[in-house]
Amino acid sequence: MSVEKMNDYKAQKKNRKENLAKEKRKKQATRVAWIGAGVLLAAIIIGGIGYTGWSQYKAYKDSLPDYSVTSQVVQDFAGLTQTEAAEETENTETEAAAETEAAAETEAAAETEVAE
């Protein structure tokens, strides 16, 4: 071996412990970085699946029929409820008129009895 090669070998042998420690730390840092990236990727994937599942569930719940009081109101397609309401108001008006006539007759009869 030449003198230069011998000097290089002696320098490497002299710093071997420090060089091995540096390489070990570098490998460990690389391993930690890969594990961190894997955990981050797994969290993103699980979060995406969770969000997709939640949005599907929300859409399903929104598609179910709503049985609240306001949704049970039947729409009047044929106009039946309007005619029934008009008939009811006419009936109540005629009943009220009949009651006032009956009250007037009873008052008139009472006055004629008092006058006799």
N, C-alpha and C. Protein backbone atom coordinates (compact mmCIF):
# COMPACT_ATOMS: atom_id res chain seq x y z
N MET A 1 0.83 -1.17 0.00
CA MET A 1 0.00 0.00 0.00
C MET A 1 0.88 1.25 0.00
N SER A 2 0.31 2.24 -0.58
CA SER A 2 1.06 3.48 -0.66
C SER A 2 0.90 4.25 0.66
N VAL A 3 1.72 5.25 0.81
CA VAL A 3 1.71 6.04 2.03
C VAL A 3 0.40 6.81 2.16
N GLU A 4 -0.13 7.31 1.08
CA GLU A 4 -1.39 8.06 1.12
C GLU A 4 -2.54 7.18 1.58
N LYS A 5 -2.58 5.96 1.05
CA LYS A 5 -3.64 5.03 1.43
C LYS A 5 -3.52 4.68 2.91
N MET A 6 -2.34 4.52 3.38
CA MET A 6 -2.13 4.20 4.79
C MET A 6 -2.58 5.35 5.69
N ASN A 7 -2.29 6.57 5.28
CA ASN A 7 -2.70 7.73 6.08
C ASN A 7 -4.24 7.86 6.09
N ASP A 8 -4.88 7.62 4.95
CA ASP A 8 -6.35 7.66 4.88
C ASP A 8 -6.96 6.58 5.78
N TYR A 9 -6.38 5.40 5.75
CA TYR A 9 -6.89 4.29 6.56
C TYR A 9 -6.74 4.61 8.04
N LYS A 10 -5.63 5.18 8.44
CA LYS A 10 -5.40 5.53 9.84
C LYS A 10 -6.40 6.61 10.28
N ALA A 11 -6.70 7.59 9.39
CA ALA A 11 -7.65 8.66 9.73
C ALA A 11 -9.06 8.09 9.88
N GLN A 12 -9.41 7.17 9.01
CA GLN A 12 -10.73 6.54 9.11
C GLN A 12 -10.83 5.70 10.37
N LYS A 13 -9.77 4.96 10.69
CA LYS A 13 -9.78 4.12 11.87
C LYS A 13 -9.85 4.99 13.12
N LYS A 14 -9.18 6.13 13.10
CA LYS A 14 -9.16 7.03 14.24
C LYS A 14 -10.56 7.60 14.52
N ASN A 15 -11.33 7.94 13.46
CA ASN A 15 -12.66 8.55 13.61
C ASN A 15 -13.80 7.54 13.39
N ARG A 16 -13.49 6.25 13.46
CA ARG A 16 -14.49 5.22 13.15
C ARG A 16 -15.69 5.30 14.09
N LYS A 17 -15.48 5.46 15.40
CA LYS A 17 -16.60 5.50 16.35
C LYS A 17 -17.52 6.68 16.08
N GLU A 18 -16.94 7.83 15.83
CA GLU A 18 -17.78 9.01 15.56
C GLU A 18 -18.53 8.84 14.24
N ASN A 19 -17.87 8.29 13.23
CA ASN A 19 -18.53 8.09 11.93
C ASN A 19 -19.66 7.07 12.04
N LEU A 20 -19.46 5.99 12.79
CA LEU A 20 -20.52 5.00 12.98
C LEU A 20 -21.70 5.59 13.74
N ALA A 21 -21.41 6.42 14.74
CA ALA A 21 -22.49 7.07 15.49
C ALA A 21 -23.28 8.02 14.60
N LYS A 22 -22.58 8.76 13.74
CA LYS A 22 -23.27 9.67 12.81
C LYS A 22 -24.16 8.89 11.85
N GLU A 23 -23.65 7.81 11.30
CA GLU A 23 -24.45 7.00 10.37
C GLU A 23 -25.66 6.39 11.07
N LYS A 24 -25.46 5.97 12.31
CA LYS A 24 -26.57 5.39 13.08
C LYS A 24 -27.65 6.45 13.34
N ARG A 25 -27.23 7.64 13.74
CA ARG A 25 -28.21 8.73 13.96
C ARG A 25 -28.94 9.08 12.67
N LYS A 26 -28.21 9.09 11.56
CA LYS A 26 -28.81 9.42 10.27
C LYS A 26 -29.85 8.37 9.87
N LYS A 27 -29.53 7.09 10.06
CA LYS A 27 -30.48 6.02 9.75
C LYS A 27 -31.71 6.11 10.65
N GLN A 28 -31.48 6.41 11.93
CA GLN A 28 -32.59 6.51 12.87
C GLN A 28 -33.49 7.70 12.52
N ALA A 29 -32.89 8.83 12.15
CA ALA A 29 -33.68 10.01 11.75
C ALA A 29 -34.49 9.71 10.50
N THR A 30 -33.89 8.98 9.56
CA THR A 30 -34.60 8.62 8.34
C THR A 30 -35.77 7.69 8.67
N ARG A 31 -35.54 6.74 9.56
CA ARG A 31 -36.59 5.81 9.96
C ARG A 31 -37.75 6.56 10.64
N VAL A 32 -37.43 7.49 11.53
CA VAL A 32 -38.47 8.27 12.22
C VAL A 32 -39.26 9.12 11.21
N ALA A 33 -38.57 9.69 10.24
CA ALA A 33 -39.25 10.50 9.23
C ALA A 33 -40.21 9.65 8.41
N TRP A 34 -39.79 8.44 8.03
CA TRP A 34 -40.67 7.56 7.26
C TRP A 34 -41.87 7.11 8.10
N ILE A 35 -41.64 6.83 9.37
CA ILE A 35 -42.76 6.43 10.24
C ILE A 35 -43.74 7.60 10.40
N GLY A 36 -43.21 8.80 10.59
CA GLY A 36 -44.07 9.98 10.70
C GLY A 36 -44.89 10.22 9.44
N ALA A 37 -44.25 10.05 8.29
CA ALA A 37 -44.96 10.23 7.02
C ALA A 37 -46.04 9.16 6.86
N GLY A 38 -45.73 7.93 7.28
CA GLY A 38 -46.74 6.86 7.20
C GLY A 38 -47.92 7.12 8.10
N VAL A 39 -47.65 7.60 9.32
CA VAL A 39 -48.74 7.92 10.25
C VAL A 39 -49.59 9.06 9.71
N LEU A 40 -48.93 10.07 9.16
CA LEU A 40 -49.67 11.20 8.58
C LEU A 40 -50.53 10.75 7.41
N LEU A 41 -49.99 9.92 6.55
CA LEU A 41 -50.75 9.41 5.41
C LEU A 41 -51.94 8.57 5.88
N ALA A 42 -51.71 7.73 6.90
CA ALA A 42 -52.81 6.91 7.44
C ALA A 42 -53.90 7.80 8.04
N ALA A 43 -53.50 8.86 8.75
CA ALA A 43 -54.48 9.78 9.34
C ALA A 43 -55.29 10.48 8.26
N ILE A 44 -54.64 10.87 7.18
CA ILE A 44 -55.36 11.53 6.08
C ILE A 44 -56.35 10.56 5.44
N ILE A 45 -55.92 9.33 5.22
CA ILE A 45 -56.81 8.34 4.60
C ILE A 45 -57.99 8.03 5.52
N ILE A 46 -57.73 7.81 6.80
CA ILE A 46 -58.81 7.51 7.75
C ILE A 46 -59.75 8.70 7.88
N GLY A 47 -59.19 9.91 7.91
CA GLY A 47 -60.03 11.11 7.98
C GLY A 47 -60.91 11.26 6.75
N GLY A 48 -60.35 10.97 5.58
CA GLY A 48 -61.14 11.04 4.34
C GLY A 48 -62.26 10.02 4.33
N ILE A 49 -61.96 8.82 4.78
CA ILE A 49 -63.01 7.78 4.85
C ILE A 49 -64.08 8.18 5.85
N GLY A 50 -63.66 8.71 6.99
CA GLY A 50 -64.62 9.15 8.00
C GLY A 50 -65.50 10.27 7.49
N TYR A 51 -64.90 11.25 6.83
CA TYR A 51 -65.68 12.38 6.30
C TYR A 51 -66.66 11.91 5.23
N THR A 52 -66.21 11.02 4.36
CA THR A 52 -67.09 10.49 3.32
C THR A 52 -68.25 9.73 3.94
N GLY A 53 -67.95 8.90 4.93
CA GLY A 53 -69.02 8.16 5.61
C GLY A 53 -70.00 9.08 6.29
N TRP A 54 -69.50 10.13 6.95
CA TRP A 54 -70.39 11.07 7.64
C TRP A 54 -71.27 11.83 6.64
N SER A 55 -70.70 12.24 5.54
CA SER A 55 -71.51 12.98 4.55
C SER A 55 -72.56 12.06 3.92
N GLN A 56 -72.23 10.78 3.71
CA GLN A 56 -73.21 9.83 3.18
C GLN A 56 -74.33 9.62 4.19
N TYR A 57 -73.99 9.51 5.47
CA TYR A 57 -74.98 9.32 6.52
C TYR A 57 -75.89 10.55 6.61
N LYS A 58 -75.29 11.72 6.53
CA LYS A 58 -76.07 12.96 6.59
C LYS A 58 -77.03 13.05 5.41
N ALA A 59 -76.56 12.68 4.21
CA ALA A 59 -77.42 12.69 3.03
C ALA A 59 -78.56 11.68 3.18
N TYR A 60 -78.25 10.54 3.76
CA TYR A 60 -79.28 9.52 3.99
C TYR A 60 -80.33 10.04 4.97
N LYS A 61 -79.90 10.67 6.06
CA LYS A 61 -80.84 11.19 7.05
C LYS A 61 -81.70 12.30 6.45
N ASP A 62 -81.12 13.12 5.58
CA ASP A 62 -81.88 14.19 4.93
C ASP A 62 -82.88 13.65 3.93
N SER A 63 -82.62 12.47 3.37
CA SER A 63 -83.52 11.90 2.37
C SER A 63 -84.72 11.20 3.00
N LEU A 64 -84.66 10.93 4.31
CA LEU A 64 -85.79 10.28 4.98
C LEU A 64 -86.95 11.25 5.07
N PRO A 65 -88.20 10.74 5.06
CA PRO A 65 -89.34 11.65 5.17
C PRO A 65 -89.40 12.31 6.53
N ASP A 66 -89.90 13.53 6.53
CA ASP A 66 -90.01 14.31 7.76
C ASP A 66 -91.45 14.21 8.25
N TYR A 67 -91.63 13.65 9.42
CA TYR A 67 -92.97 13.45 9.95
C TYR A 67 -93.35 14.52 10.96
N SER A 68 -92.83 15.69 10.82
CA SER A 68 -93.21 16.76 11.72
C SER A 68 -94.60 17.27 11.33
N VAL A 69 -95.18 18.11 12.13
CA VAL A 69 -96.54 18.58 11.92
C VAL A 69 -96.67 19.34 10.60
N THR A 70 -95.69 20.14 10.26
CA THR A 70 -95.79 20.95 9.06
C THR A 70 -95.72 20.12 7.79
N SER A 71 -95.05 18.98 7.86
CA SER A 71 -94.93 18.17 6.65
C SER A 71 -96.16 17.28 6.44
N GLN A 72 -97.01 17.18 7.46
CA GLN A 72 -98.18 16.33 7.32
C GLN A 72 -99.38 17.09 6.76
N VAL A 73 -99.24 18.36 6.48
CA VAL A 73 -100.32 19.15 5.91
C VAL A 73 -100.53 18.67 4.49
N VAL A 74 -101.76 18.30 4.19
CA VAL A 74 -102.09 17.80 2.86
C VAL A 74 -102.37 18.99 1.96
N GLN A 75 -101.75 18.97 0.82
CA GLN A 75 -101.99 20.07 -0.11
C GLN A 75 -103.34 19.88 -0.78
N ASP A 76 -104.01 20.98 -1.06
CA ASP A 76 -105.34 20.95 -1.63
C ASP A 76 -105.22 21.02 -3.14
N PHE A 77 -105.06 19.84 -3.77
CA PHE A 77 -104.90 19.80 -5.21
C PHE A 77 -106.23 20.03 -5.93
N ALA A 78 -107.32 19.53 -5.39
CA ALA A 78 -108.60 19.62 -6.08
C ALA A 78 -109.43 20.81 -5.60
N GLY A 79 -108.97 21.55 -4.64
CA GLY A 79 -109.73 22.68 -4.13
C GLY A 79 -110.81 22.24 -3.16
N LEU A 80 -110.72 21.04 -2.64
CA LEU A 80 -111.76 20.53 -1.75
C LEU A 80 -111.79 21.27 -0.42
N THR A 81 -110.66 21.55 0.14
CA THR A 81 -110.66 22.18 1.45
C THR A 81 -111.16 23.61 1.36
N GLN A 82 -110.95 24.27 0.24
CA GLN A 82 -111.46 25.63 0.11
C GLN A 82 -112.98 25.62 0.04
N THR A 83 -113.57 24.68 -0.70
CA THR A 83 -115.02 24.63 -0.78
C THR A 83 -115.61 24.21 0.55
N GLU A 84 -114.95 23.28 1.26
CA GLU A 84 -115.45 22.87 2.57
C GLU A 84 -115.39 24.03 3.54
N ALA A 85 -114.34 24.82 3.48
CA ALA A 85 -114.21 25.97 4.37
C ALA A 85 -115.28 27.00 4.05
N ALA A 86 -115.57 27.20 2.77
CA ALA A 86 -116.61 28.16 2.39
C ALA A 86 -117.97 27.68 2.88
N GLU A 87 -118.24 26.37 2.75
CA GLU A 87 -119.51 25.83 3.22
C GLU A 87 -119.64 25.96 4.74
N GLU A 88 -118.55 25.75 5.44
CA GLU A 88 -118.59 25.88 6.89
C GLU A 88 -118.89 27.31 7.31
N THR A 89 -118.29 28.28 6.63
CA THR A 89 -118.56 29.67 6.98
C THR A 89 -120.00 30.04 6.65
N GLU A 90 -120.55 29.52 5.54
CA GLU A 90 -121.95 29.78 5.22
C GLU A 90 -122.86 29.17 6.27
N ASN A 91 -122.54 27.93 6.68
CA ASN A 91 -123.36 27.26 7.70
C ASN A 91 -123.32 28.02 9.01
N THR A 92 -122.17 28.49 9.41
CA THR A 92 -122.08 29.23 10.67
C THR A 92 -122.81 30.57 10.56
N GLU A 93 -122.77 31.19 9.37
CA GLU A 93 -123.49 32.45 9.19
C GLU A 93 -125.00 32.22 9.26
N THR A 94 -125.47 31.16 8.62
CA THR A 94 -126.92 30.90 8.65
C THR A 94 -127.37 30.49 10.05
N GLU A 95 -126.52 29.74 10.76
CA GLU A 95 -126.86 29.37 12.14
C GLU A 95 -126.91 30.60 13.03
N ALA A 96 -125.97 31.51 12.82
CA ALA A 96 -125.95 32.74 13.62
C ALA A 96 -127.19 33.58 13.31
N ALA A 97 -127.58 33.64 12.05
CA ALA A 97 -128.77 34.41 11.68
C ALA A 97 -130.02 33.77 12.26
N ALA A 98 -130.09 32.45 12.24
CA ALA A 98 -131.24 31.75 12.81
C ALA A 98 -131.31 31.97 14.32
N GLU A 99 -130.17 31.97 14.96
CA GLU A 99 -130.15 32.20 16.41
C GLU A 99 -130.60 33.61 16.75
N THR A 100 -130.20 34.59 15.95
CA THR A 100 -130.62 35.97 16.24
C THR A 100 -132.12 36.13 15.98
N GLU A 101 -132.65 35.46 14.95
CA GLU A 101 -134.09 35.52 14.70
C GLU A 101 -134.86 34.87 15.84
N ALA A 102 -134.37 33.73 16.32
CA ALA A 102 -135.04 33.03 17.42
C ALA A 102 -135.00 33.89 18.67
N ALA A 103 -133.90 34.55 18.91
CA ALA A 103 -133.77 35.41 20.08
C ALA A 103 -134.73 36.59 19.96
N ALA A 104 -134.87 37.14 18.75
CA ALA A 104 -135.79 38.27 18.54
C ALA A 104 -137.22 37.83 18.75
N GLU A 105 -137.57 36.62 18.29
CA GLU A 105 -138.94 36.11 18.47
C GLU A 105 -139.27 35.88 19.94
N THR A 106 -138.30 35.32 20.67
CA THR A 106 -138.54 35.08 22.10
C THR A 106 -138.68 36.39 22.84
N GLU A 107 -137.95 37.41 22.46
CA GLU A 107 -138.08 38.72 23.10
C GLU A 107 -139.45 39.34 22.77
N ALA A 108 -139.86 39.18 21.51
CA ALA A 108 -141.15 39.73 21.10
C ALA A 108 -142.28 39.00 21.83
N ALA A 109 -142.17 37.70 21.98
CA ALA A 109 -143.19 36.93 22.70
C ALA A 109 -143.21 37.32 24.16
N ALA A 110 -142.05 37.56 24.72
CA ALA A 110 -141.98 37.96 26.13
C ALA A 110 -142.60 39.33 26.31
N GLU A 111 -142.42 40.24 25.38
CA GLU A 111 -143.00 41.58 25.47
C GLU A 111 -144.51 41.53 25.32
N THR A 112 -145.01 40.66 24.44
CA THR A 112 -146.47 40.57 24.29
C THR A 112 -147.10 39.96 25.53
N GLU A 113 -146.45 39.05 26.18
CA GLU A 113 -146.98 38.47 27.40
C GLU A 113 -147.00 39.50 28.50
N VAL A 114 -146.03 40.34 28.57
CA VAL A 114 -145.97 41.37 29.61
C VAL A 114 -147.03 42.42 29.29
N ALA A 115 -147.28 42.71 28.04
CA ALA A 115 -148.24 43.73 27.68
C ALA A 115 -149.67 43.25 27.94
N GLU A 116 -149.97 42.01 27.93
CA GLU A 116 -151.32 41.50 28.13
C GLU A 116 -151.65 41.49 29.54
